[in-house]
Protein backbone atom coordinates (compact mmCIF):
# COMPACT_ATOMS: atom_id res chain seq x y z
CA MET A 1 111.45 105.62 88.40
CA ALA A 2 108.79 105.62 85.67
CA GLU A 3 106.95 107.91 83.97
CA THR A 4 103.43 107.48 82.16
CA THR A 5 102.19 110.44 80.82
CA GLY A 6 98.59 111.74 78.80
CA LEU A 7 95.38 112.46 79.50
CA VAL A 8 93.83 111.03 82.68
CA GLN A 9 91.01 108.91 80.35
CA ARG A 10 89.53 107.62 83.38
CA LEU A 11 89.67 107.46 87.31
CA THR A 12 87.34 105.15 89.56
CA VAL A 13 87.52 104.77 93.03
CA PHE A 14 86.86 101.33 94.26
CA SER A 15 87.12 101.96 98.21
CA SER A 16 88.77 104.47 100.84
CA THR A 17 92.45 102.87 100.24
CA LEU A 18 92.62 102.05 96.69
CA THR A 19 91.97 104.45 93.39
CA CYS A 20 92.26 102.92 89.74
CA VAL A 21 93.62 105.50 87.09
CA TRP A 22 93.65 104.78 83.48
CA ILE A 23 96.50 107.53 81.91
CA GLY A 24 97.68 107.77 77.97
CA PRO A 25 96.92 109.66 74.74
CA THR A 26 93.37 108.04 73.97
CA PRO A 27 90.70 106.22 75.48
CA ASN A 28 92.12 102.57 73.94
CA ASN A 29 95.93 103.73 74.61
CA ASN A 30 96.32 104.11 78.27
CA GLU A 31 97.72 102.52 80.76
CA LEU A 32 96.37 101.85 84.48
CA LEU A 33 97.87 102.84 87.15
CA SER A 34 96.44 102.60 91.34
CA VAL A 35 96.55 105.04 93.80
CA SER A 36 96.85 103.32 97.24
CA ASN A 37 97.17 103.78 100.81
CA ASP A 38 97.94 102.01 104.52
CA SER A 39 95.18 104.25 106.73
CA SER A 40 97.07 106.17 108.30
CA ALA A 41 96.55 109.81 107.87
CA ALA A 42 99.24 110.90 106.29
CA ASP A 43 98.91 108.53 103.62
CA THR A 44 95.82 109.08 103.72
CA ALA A 45 96.13 112.43 102.66
CA PHE A 46 99.25 112.20 100.61
CA ALA A 47 96.40 109.56 98.19
CA ALA A 48 93.77 112.51 98.67
CA ASN A 49 96.63 115.12 96.46
CA LEU A 50 97.00 112.70 94.26
CA ILE A 51 93.77 111.75 93.40
CA GLN A 52 92.37 115.57 93.59
CA THR A 53 94.79 116.79 91.01
CA LEU A 54 94.63 113.80 88.95
CA ALA A 55 90.24 114.81 89.19
CA ALA A 56 91.36 118.21 88.26
CA ALA A 57 93.45 117.24 85.51
CA ALA A 58 90.72 115.18 84.14
CA THR A 59 88.27 117.61 84.00
CA ASN A 60 90.18 120.12 82.95
CA TYR A 61 91.61 118.05 79.78
CA ARG A 62 95.18 118.58 80.75
CA ALA A 63 97.67 116.23 80.05
CA VAL A 64 99.77 114.30 83.55
CA ALA A 65 102.87 112.77 83.98
CA ALA A 66 102.24 110.04 87.04
CA ILE A 67 105.78 108.37 88.68
CA HIS A 68 105.92 104.98 89.48
CA GLY A 69 107.82 102.86 90.48
CA ASP A 70 109.42 100.39 87.21
CA SER A 71 107.81 97.37 88.40
CA ASP A 72 104.76 98.52 89.77
CA ALA A 73 101.80 100.47 88.98
CA LYS A 74 101.09 102.61 92.37
CA ILE A 75 101.23 106.24 91.30
CA ILE A 76 104.02 107.71 94.15
CA SER A 77 104.25 111.47 92.03
CA VAL A 78 101.37 113.57 89.81
CA ARG A 79 103.23 116.15 87.50
CA VAL A 80 100.72 119.35 85.63
CA ASP A 81 102.60 120.59 83.33
CA PRO A 82 101.46 124.43 82.47
CA VAL A 83 100.31 125.23 78.79
């Protein structure tokens, strides 16, 4: 598993099944990751929780650690470290 850390620079909801998030130290130095779901109730609820956590971190200028696969950009977990 890979981990990308930094501020949430941008978060864009494209559809009910795909959200993209740019995470990094600056707006010009970031990594594009995604949150997606398969439209099942459980997967949609989990994805919504990830998106809400990322949005809260963005609005409060908190750094996050997004866990994703080594060879893909799909976020499977988000950690917001204490200040």
